[in-house]
N, C-alpha and C. Protein backbone atom coordinates (compact mmCIF):
# COMPACT_ATOMS: atom_id res chain seq x y z
N MET A 1 -4.34 21.24 -2.30
CA MET A 1 -4.48 19.99 -1.56
C MET A 1 -5.78 20.02 -0.76
N ARG A 2 -6.54 18.97 -0.85
CA ARG A 2 -7.80 18.94 -0.13
C ARG A 2 -7.56 18.62 1.35
N PRO A 3 -8.47 19.04 2.23
CA PRO A 3 -8.27 18.81 3.65
C PRO A 3 -8.32 17.31 3.99
N MET A 4 -7.60 16.93 5.04
CA MET A 4 -7.56 15.55 5.46
C MET A 4 -8.88 15.17 6.12
N GLU A 5 -9.39 13.99 5.76
CA GLU A 5 -10.62 13.47 6.36
C GLU A 5 -10.38 13.20 7.84
N THR A 6 -11.44 13.26 8.63
CA THR A 6 -11.35 12.92 10.05
C THR A 6 -11.88 11.52 10.27
N GLY A 7 -11.59 10.96 11.43
CA GLY A 7 -12.12 9.65 11.78
C GLY A 7 -11.41 8.51 11.07
N ILE A 8 -12.12 7.41 10.92
CA ILE A 8 -11.57 6.24 10.24
C ILE A 8 -12.51 5.81 9.13
N SER A 9 -12.00 5.04 8.19
CA SER A 9 -12.83 4.45 7.14
C SER A 9 -12.24 3.09 6.79
N VAL A 10 -13.07 2.23 6.25
CA VAL A 10 -12.68 0.86 5.94
C VAL A 10 -13.15 0.54 4.52
N THR A 11 -12.34 -0.18 3.79
CA THR A 11 -12.76 -0.69 2.48
C THR A 11 -12.23 -2.11 2.35
N ARG A 12 -12.53 -2.77 1.26
CA ARG A 12 -12.14 -4.17 1.08
C ARG A 12 -11.46 -4.35 -0.27
N LEU A 13 -10.43 -5.20 -0.30
CA LEU A 13 -9.78 -5.56 -1.55
C LEU A 13 -10.66 -6.52 -2.33
N ASP A 14 -10.56 -6.47 -3.66
CA ASP A 14 -11.31 -7.39 -4.52
C ASP A 14 -10.34 -7.94 -5.55
N HIS A 15 -9.78 -9.13 -5.27
CA HIS A 15 -8.79 -9.73 -6.16
C HIS A 15 -9.41 -10.20 -7.49
N ASP A 16 -10.74 -10.26 -7.55
CA ASP A 16 -11.42 -10.67 -8.78
C ASP A 16 -12.11 -9.49 -9.45
N SER A 17 -11.74 -8.28 -9.09
CA SER A 17 -12.38 -7.09 -9.66
C SER A 17 -12.28 -7.09 -11.18
N PRO A 18 -13.37 -6.73 -11.86
CA PRO A 18 -13.30 -6.61 -13.32
C PRO A 18 -12.50 -5.37 -13.74
N GLU A 19 -12.29 -4.44 -12.82
CA GLU A 19 -11.54 -3.22 -13.10
C GLU A 19 -10.06 -3.44 -12.85
N ARG A 20 -9.21 -2.84 -13.68
CA ARG A 20 -7.76 -2.92 -13.46
C ARG A 20 -7.33 -2.07 -12.28
N PHE A 21 -7.91 -0.89 -12.15
CA PHE A 21 -7.54 0.05 -11.09
C PHE A 21 -8.73 0.24 -10.16
N VAL A 22 -8.53 -0.05 -8.90
CA VAL A 22 -9.55 0.14 -7.88
C VAL A 22 -9.03 1.24 -6.96
N GLY A 23 -9.73 2.36 -6.90
CA GLY A 23 -9.28 3.53 -6.15
C GLY A 23 -9.50 3.39 -4.66
N LEU A 24 -8.57 2.75 -3.98
CA LEU A 24 -8.70 2.55 -2.54
C LEU A 24 -8.56 3.85 -1.76
N GLY A 25 -7.68 4.72 -2.21
CA GLY A 25 -7.49 5.99 -1.53
C GLY A 25 -8.77 6.82 -1.51
N ARG A 26 -9.43 6.87 -2.64
CA ARG A 26 -10.70 7.60 -2.74
C ARG A 26 -11.73 6.96 -1.81
N ALA A 27 -11.80 5.63 -1.84
CA ALA A 27 -12.77 4.93 -1.01
C ALA A 27 -12.54 5.18 0.47
N LEU A 28 -11.27 5.38 0.84
CA LEU A 28 -10.94 5.61 2.25
C LEU A 28 -10.88 7.09 2.63
N GLY A 29 -10.89 7.96 1.64
CA GLY A 29 -10.76 9.39 1.92
C GLY A 29 -9.33 9.79 2.21
N ALA A 30 -8.35 8.99 1.76
CA ALA A 30 -6.93 9.31 1.98
C ALA A 30 -6.53 10.44 1.03
N SER A 31 -5.86 11.47 1.57
CA SER A 31 -5.51 12.61 0.74
C SER A 31 -4.01 12.84 0.63
N GLY A 32 -3.20 12.16 1.44
CA GLY A 32 -1.76 12.40 1.45
C GLY A 32 -0.95 11.45 0.61
N LEU A 33 -1.61 10.45 0.00
CA LEU A 33 -0.90 9.50 -0.83
C LEU A 33 -1.87 8.89 -1.83
N GLY A 34 -1.31 8.38 -2.92
CA GLY A 34 -2.11 7.62 -3.85
C GLY A 34 -2.16 6.18 -3.37
N LEU A 35 -3.32 5.57 -3.38
CA LEU A 35 -3.49 4.20 -2.90
C LEU A 35 -4.50 3.51 -3.80
N ASN A 36 -4.01 2.53 -4.57
CA ASN A 36 -4.86 1.80 -5.50
C ASN A 36 -4.57 0.32 -5.43
N GLN A 37 -5.57 -0.47 -5.79
CA GLN A 37 -5.36 -1.89 -6.05
C GLN A 37 -5.31 -2.02 -7.56
N ILE A 38 -4.33 -2.76 -8.05
CA ILE A 38 -4.24 -3.03 -9.48
C ILE A 38 -4.41 -4.53 -9.66
N VAL A 39 -5.32 -4.91 -10.54
CA VAL A 39 -5.59 -6.32 -10.83
C VAL A 39 -5.32 -6.54 -12.32
N LEU A 40 -4.28 -7.33 -12.61
CA LEU A 40 -3.93 -7.63 -14.01
C LEU A 40 -4.18 -9.11 -14.29
N ARG A 41 -4.94 -9.36 -15.32
CA ARG A 41 -5.16 -10.74 -15.77
C ARG A 41 -4.02 -11.13 -16.71
N PRO A 42 -3.82 -12.43 -16.91
CA PRO A 42 -2.74 -12.86 -17.80
C PRO A 42 -2.82 -12.15 -19.16
N GLY A 43 -1.68 -11.60 -19.56
CA GLY A 43 -1.58 -10.90 -20.84
C GLY A 43 -1.82 -9.40 -20.75
N GLN A 44 -2.38 -8.93 -19.65
CA GLN A 44 -2.63 -7.50 -19.53
C GLN A 44 -1.34 -6.77 -19.15
N ARG A 45 -1.23 -5.54 -19.66
CA ARG A 45 -0.08 -4.71 -19.33
C ARG A 45 -0.53 -3.26 -19.30
N GLY A 46 0.26 -2.48 -18.58
CA GLY A 46 -0.04 -1.06 -18.47
C GLY A 46 0.77 -0.26 -19.46
N ARG A 47 0.59 1.05 -19.38
CA ARG A 47 1.34 1.97 -20.23
C ARG A 47 2.77 2.11 -19.73
N ILE A 48 3.68 2.42 -20.65
CA ILE A 48 5.02 2.84 -20.25
C ILE A 48 4.84 4.24 -19.68
N HIS A 49 5.34 4.46 -18.45
CA HIS A 49 5.12 5.77 -17.84
C HIS A 49 6.20 6.13 -16.83
N THR A 50 6.23 7.41 -16.48
CA THR A 50 7.04 7.95 -15.39
C THR A 50 6.12 8.85 -14.58
N HIS A 51 6.69 9.46 -13.55
CA HIS A 51 5.96 10.47 -12.78
C HIS A 51 6.86 11.70 -12.65
N GLU A 52 6.24 12.85 -12.50
CA GLU A 52 7.03 14.07 -12.32
C GLU A 52 7.60 14.14 -10.91
N HIS A 53 6.80 13.75 -9.91
CA HIS A 53 7.24 13.91 -8.52
C HIS A 53 7.03 12.66 -7.67
N GLN A 54 6.13 11.81 -8.06
CA GLN A 54 5.66 10.73 -7.21
C GLN A 54 6.51 9.47 -7.34
N GLU A 55 7.01 8.96 -6.20
CA GLU A 55 7.61 7.64 -6.22
C GLU A 55 6.49 6.63 -5.98
N GLU A 56 6.69 5.40 -6.45
CA GLU A 56 5.67 4.37 -6.30
C GLU A 56 6.25 3.16 -5.59
N VAL A 57 5.40 2.52 -4.80
CA VAL A 57 5.72 1.24 -4.18
C VAL A 57 4.60 0.28 -4.56
N PHE A 58 4.97 -0.90 -5.03
CA PHE A 58 4.01 -1.95 -5.36
C PHE A 58 4.20 -3.10 -4.40
N ILE A 59 3.11 -3.56 -3.79
CA ILE A 59 3.12 -4.70 -2.88
C ILE A 59 2.33 -5.80 -3.58
N ILE A 60 2.99 -6.91 -3.91
CA ILE A 60 2.35 -7.98 -4.67
C ILE A 60 1.61 -8.91 -3.71
N LEU A 61 0.29 -9.00 -3.89
CA LEU A 61 -0.55 -9.81 -3.01
C LEU A 61 -0.81 -11.20 -3.57
N ARG A 62 -0.95 -11.28 -4.89
CA ARG A 62 -1.22 -12.56 -5.56
C ARG A 62 -0.54 -12.54 -6.92
N GLY A 63 -0.06 -13.70 -7.34
CA GLY A 63 0.53 -13.83 -8.67
C GLY A 63 1.93 -13.23 -8.73
N THR A 64 2.37 -12.97 -9.95
CA THR A 64 3.70 -12.41 -10.20
C THR A 64 3.56 -11.20 -11.11
N LEU A 65 4.11 -10.09 -10.66
CA LEU A 65 4.18 -8.90 -11.49
C LEU A 65 5.48 -8.96 -12.26
N THR A 66 5.40 -8.75 -13.56
CA THR A 66 6.61 -8.56 -14.35
C THR A 66 6.74 -7.06 -14.55
N LEU A 67 7.82 -6.53 -14.02
CA LEU A 67 8.10 -5.11 -14.08
C LEU A 67 9.11 -4.88 -15.19
N GLU A 68 8.72 -4.06 -16.14
CA GLU A 68 9.61 -3.75 -17.26
C GLU A 68 10.19 -2.35 -17.02
N ILE A 69 11.52 -2.30 -16.92
CA ILE A 69 12.24 -1.04 -16.70
C ILE A 69 13.17 -0.83 -17.89
N GLU A 70 12.91 0.23 -18.66
CA GLU A 70 13.74 0.54 -19.83
C GLU A 70 13.93 -0.69 -20.73
N GLY A 71 12.87 -1.49 -20.88
CA GLY A 71 12.91 -2.65 -21.77
C GLY A 71 13.42 -3.94 -21.14
N THR A 72 13.89 -3.89 -19.89
CA THR A 72 14.38 -5.08 -19.19
C THR A 72 13.31 -5.54 -18.20
N GLN A 73 13.02 -6.84 -18.20
CA GLN A 73 11.97 -7.37 -17.34
C GLN A 73 12.53 -7.98 -16.07
N GLN A 74 11.79 -7.78 -14.97
CA GLN A 74 12.13 -8.35 -13.67
C GLN A 74 10.84 -8.82 -13.01
N ASP A 75 10.82 -10.05 -12.52
CA ASP A 75 9.64 -10.58 -11.84
C ASP A 75 9.65 -10.19 -10.37
N ILE A 76 8.48 -9.76 -9.89
CA ILE A 76 8.27 -9.44 -8.48
C ILE A 76 7.16 -10.39 -8.01
N ALA A 77 7.49 -11.28 -7.07
CA ALA A 77 6.59 -12.36 -6.68
C ALA A 77 5.66 -11.95 -5.53
N THR A 78 4.67 -12.80 -5.27
CA THR A 78 3.77 -12.62 -4.15
C THR A 78 4.56 -12.36 -2.88
N ASP A 79 4.11 -11.40 -2.10
CA ASP A 79 4.70 -10.99 -0.82
C ASP A 79 5.99 -10.20 -0.98
N GLU A 80 6.36 -9.82 -2.20
CA GLU A 80 7.51 -8.94 -2.41
C GLU A 80 7.01 -7.53 -2.67
N LEU A 81 7.90 -6.56 -2.42
CA LEU A 81 7.61 -5.14 -2.63
C LEU A 81 8.70 -4.57 -3.51
N VAL A 82 8.34 -3.56 -4.30
CA VAL A 82 9.32 -2.87 -5.12
C VAL A 82 9.01 -1.38 -5.08
N ARG A 83 10.06 -0.56 -5.00
CA ARG A 83 9.94 0.90 -5.03
C ARG A 83 10.56 1.39 -6.32
N ILE A 84 9.90 2.36 -6.96
CA ILE A 84 10.39 2.91 -8.21
C ILE A 84 10.43 4.43 -8.09
N ALA A 85 11.58 5.01 -8.40
CA ALA A 85 11.76 6.46 -8.35
C ALA A 85 10.91 7.12 -9.44
N PRO A 86 10.53 8.38 -9.25
CA PRO A 86 9.64 9.05 -10.20
C PRO A 86 10.09 9.01 -11.65
N ALA A 87 11.35 9.30 -11.94
CA ALA A 87 11.80 9.47 -13.32
C ALA A 87 12.08 8.16 -14.06
N VAL A 88 12.01 7.02 -13.37
CA VAL A 88 12.30 5.73 -14.00
C VAL A 88 11.13 5.32 -14.89
N ARG A 89 11.41 5.06 -16.17
CA ARG A 89 10.36 4.57 -17.09
C ARG A 89 10.04 3.14 -16.73
N ARG A 90 8.72 2.86 -16.58
CA ARG A 90 8.30 1.53 -16.18
C ARG A 90 7.01 1.14 -16.86
N ARG A 91 6.80 -0.20 -16.90
CA ARG A 91 5.54 -0.76 -17.37
C ARG A 91 5.27 -2.00 -16.54
N LEU A 92 3.99 -2.20 -16.18
CA LEU A 92 3.56 -3.36 -15.41
C LEU A 92 2.94 -4.37 -16.37
N LEU A 93 3.35 -5.64 -16.23
CA LEU A 93 2.83 -6.71 -17.09
C LEU A 93 2.46 -7.92 -16.25
N ASN A 94 1.52 -8.70 -16.74
CA ASN A 94 1.24 -10.00 -16.15
C ASN A 94 1.43 -11.05 -17.23
N LEU A 95 2.52 -11.82 -17.10
CA LEU A 95 2.80 -12.89 -18.06
C LEU A 95 2.12 -14.20 -17.67
N GLY A 96 1.32 -14.19 -16.60
CA GLY A 96 0.57 -15.37 -16.18
C GLY A 96 1.37 -16.24 -15.23
N PRO A 97 0.82 -17.38 -14.86
CA PRO A 97 -0.40 -17.95 -15.41
C PRO A 97 -1.69 -17.41 -14.80
N GLY A 98 -1.68 -16.89 -13.57
CA GLY A 98 -2.92 -16.44 -12.92
C GLY A 98 -3.01 -14.94 -12.83
N VAL A 99 -4.00 -14.49 -12.09
CA VAL A 99 -4.22 -13.06 -11.85
C VAL A 99 -3.08 -12.52 -10.99
N CYS A 100 -2.65 -11.30 -11.27
CA CYS A 100 -1.69 -10.59 -10.43
C CYS A 100 -2.45 -9.44 -9.78
N SER A 101 -2.49 -9.46 -8.45
CA SER A 101 -3.18 -8.43 -7.68
C SER A 101 -2.16 -7.75 -6.78
N MET A 102 -2.17 -6.41 -6.78
CA MET A 102 -1.17 -5.68 -6.01
C MET A 102 -1.76 -4.40 -5.44
N ILE A 103 -1.07 -3.87 -4.44
CA ILE A 103 -1.37 -2.55 -3.91
C ILE A 103 -0.32 -1.60 -4.48
N ALA A 104 -0.77 -0.47 -4.99
CA ALA A 104 0.13 0.57 -5.50
C ALA A 104 0.01 1.78 -4.59
N LEU A 105 1.15 2.18 -4.02
CA LEU A 105 1.22 3.36 -3.17
C LEU A 105 2.04 4.41 -3.89
N GLY A 106 1.60 5.64 -3.87
CA GLY A 106 2.36 6.71 -4.49
C GLY A 106 2.32 7.95 -3.62
N ALA A 107 3.45 8.61 -3.51
CA ALA A 107 3.50 9.85 -2.74
C ALA A 107 4.64 10.72 -3.26
N ALA A 108 4.51 12.01 -3.05
CA ALA A 108 5.54 12.97 -3.43
C ALA A 108 5.88 13.82 -2.22
N GLY A 109 7.06 14.34 -2.20
CA GLY A 109 7.47 15.15 -1.07
C GLY A 109 8.13 14.30 0.00
N THR A 110 8.41 14.91 1.13
CA THR A 110 9.10 14.24 2.21
C THR A 110 8.11 13.74 3.25
N HIS A 111 8.22 12.48 3.60
CA HIS A 111 7.37 11.88 4.62
C HIS A 111 7.80 12.39 5.99
N GLU A 112 6.84 12.72 6.83
CA GLU A 112 7.15 13.16 8.19
C GLU A 112 7.31 11.94 9.08
N ARG A 113 8.56 11.53 9.25
CA ARG A 113 8.83 10.36 10.08
C ARG A 113 8.70 10.72 11.55
N ARG A 114 8.29 9.72 12.29
CA ARG A 114 8.24 9.86 13.75
C ARG A 114 7.34 11.01 14.20
N ASP A 115 6.19 11.18 13.54
CA ASP A 115 5.28 12.23 14.00
C ASP A 115 4.19 11.66 14.90
N GLY A 116 4.32 10.37 15.27
CA GLY A 116 3.32 9.72 16.11
C GLY A 116 3.39 10.18 17.56
N LEU A 117 2.30 10.02 18.26
CA LEU A 117 2.22 10.28 19.68
C LEU A 117 1.59 9.07 20.35
N ALA A 118 2.06 8.71 21.54
CA ALA A 118 1.57 7.52 22.23
C ALA A 118 1.04 7.89 23.62
N TYR A 119 0.18 7.04 24.13
CA TYR A 119 -0.45 7.23 25.43
C TYR A 119 -0.22 5.99 26.28
N THR A 120 -0.09 6.17 27.57
CA THR A 120 0.13 5.03 28.45
C THR A 120 -1.15 4.23 28.65
N ASP A 121 -2.33 4.87 28.57
CA ASP A 121 -3.61 4.17 28.60
C ASP A 121 -4.68 5.10 28.02
N TRP A 122 -5.91 4.62 27.90
CA TRP A 122 -6.98 5.38 27.26
C TRP A 122 -7.31 6.67 27.98
N ASP A 123 -7.07 6.71 29.29
CA ASP A 123 -7.41 7.91 30.07
C ASP A 123 -6.23 8.85 30.25
N ALA A 124 -5.08 8.55 29.70
CA ALA A 124 -3.90 9.40 29.87
C ALA A 124 -4.16 10.78 29.29
N PRO A 125 -3.88 11.83 30.05
CA PRO A 125 -4.17 13.19 29.57
C PRO A 125 -3.15 13.72 28.58
N GLU A 126 -1.93 13.20 28.61
CA GLU A 126 -0.92 13.76 27.71
C GLU A 126 -0.29 12.67 26.85
N ALA A 127 0.10 13.09 25.67
CA ALA A 127 0.76 12.19 24.72
C ALA A 127 2.27 12.38 24.83
N LEU A 128 2.98 11.30 24.51
CA LEU A 128 4.44 11.31 24.55
C LEU A 128 4.97 10.73 23.24
N PRO A 129 6.24 10.99 22.92
CA PRO A 129 6.83 10.29 21.77
C PRO A 129 6.76 8.78 22.01
N PRO A 130 6.44 7.98 20.98
CA PRO A 130 6.25 6.53 21.18
C PRO A 130 7.42 5.85 21.88
N GLN A 131 8.66 6.26 21.58
CA GLN A 131 9.81 5.61 22.19
C GLN A 131 9.88 5.84 23.70
N GLU A 132 9.08 6.76 24.23
CA GLU A 132 9.06 7.03 25.67
C GLU A 132 7.93 6.28 26.39
N VAL A 133 7.09 5.59 25.65
CA VAL A 133 6.00 4.82 26.24
C VAL A 133 6.30 3.34 26.04
N PRO A 134 6.45 2.59 27.14
CA PRO A 134 6.78 1.16 27.00
C PRO A 134 5.65 0.42 26.28
N LEU A 135 6.02 -0.64 25.55
CA LEU A 135 5.02 -1.50 24.94
C LEU A 135 4.20 -2.19 26.03
N PRO A 136 2.90 -2.35 25.83
CA PRO A 136 2.09 -3.03 26.86
C PRO A 136 2.40 -4.53 26.86
N ASP A 137 2.01 -5.17 27.95
CA ASP A 137 2.15 -6.62 28.02
C ASP A 137 1.30 -7.26 26.94
N ASP A 138 1.73 -8.43 26.45
CA ASP A 138 0.92 -9.18 25.49
C ASP A 138 -0.36 -9.66 26.15
N LEU A 139 -1.38 -9.90 25.33
CA LEU A 139 -2.65 -10.41 25.85
C LEU A 139 -2.47 -11.82 26.40
N PRO A 140 -3.19 -12.16 27.46
CA PRO A 140 -3.13 -13.54 27.95
C PRO A 140 -3.88 -14.46 26.99
N PRO A 141 -3.52 -15.73 26.93
CA PRO A 141 -4.20 -16.68 26.02
C PRO A 141 -5.72 -16.69 26.18
N SER A 142 -6.21 -16.42 27.37
CA SER A 142 -7.66 -16.45 27.60
C SER A 142 -8.39 -15.35 26.82
N GLU A 143 -7.69 -14.33 26.36
CA GLU A 143 -8.34 -13.24 25.60
C GLU A 143 -8.19 -13.40 24.09
N LEU A 144 -7.54 -14.48 23.63
CA LEU A 144 -7.35 -14.68 22.20
C LEU A 144 -8.50 -15.43 21.59
N ARG A 145 -8.80 -15.14 20.33
CA ARG A 145 -9.82 -15.87 19.59
C ARG A 145 -9.34 -17.30 19.34
N THR A 146 -10.27 -18.23 19.34
CA THR A 146 -9.89 -19.61 19.07
C THR A 146 -10.29 -20.05 17.67
N THR A 147 -11.14 -19.26 17.00
CA THR A 147 -11.53 -19.55 15.61
C THR A 147 -11.45 -18.27 14.81
N GLY A 148 -11.31 -18.42 13.46
CA GLY A 148 -11.17 -17.29 12.56
C GLY A 148 -12.42 -16.56 12.38
């Protein structure tokens, strides 16, 4: 396993990418999970596949993904998510009419839940479990943007 990158990184989604697979994880330097954008045009489909260890989650951003599981099709619409266990045979299809753009997340092993640390303010010397730090007050309307 390669070492985790430090700092932050930013990338951008491209719903019109000519590539089917856009390696977002690589672009961000993420090492603990697979993170890709998949762009399928009408009629495009992927390979029938499984994984040895990795479960996958697909987040549909645009269009409709038709997910084929053991020969049975199920539509996953915009703003829906689906999780697939490693050993389940699956294929991704786009039956149209438009482009289907999604985020694909993949990871293996056990996720470390609740490993976050919170601070009461920027100058706080010690971190606490998030549930022990109250949520801050909401911003006043005067600090909100008025245009996009």
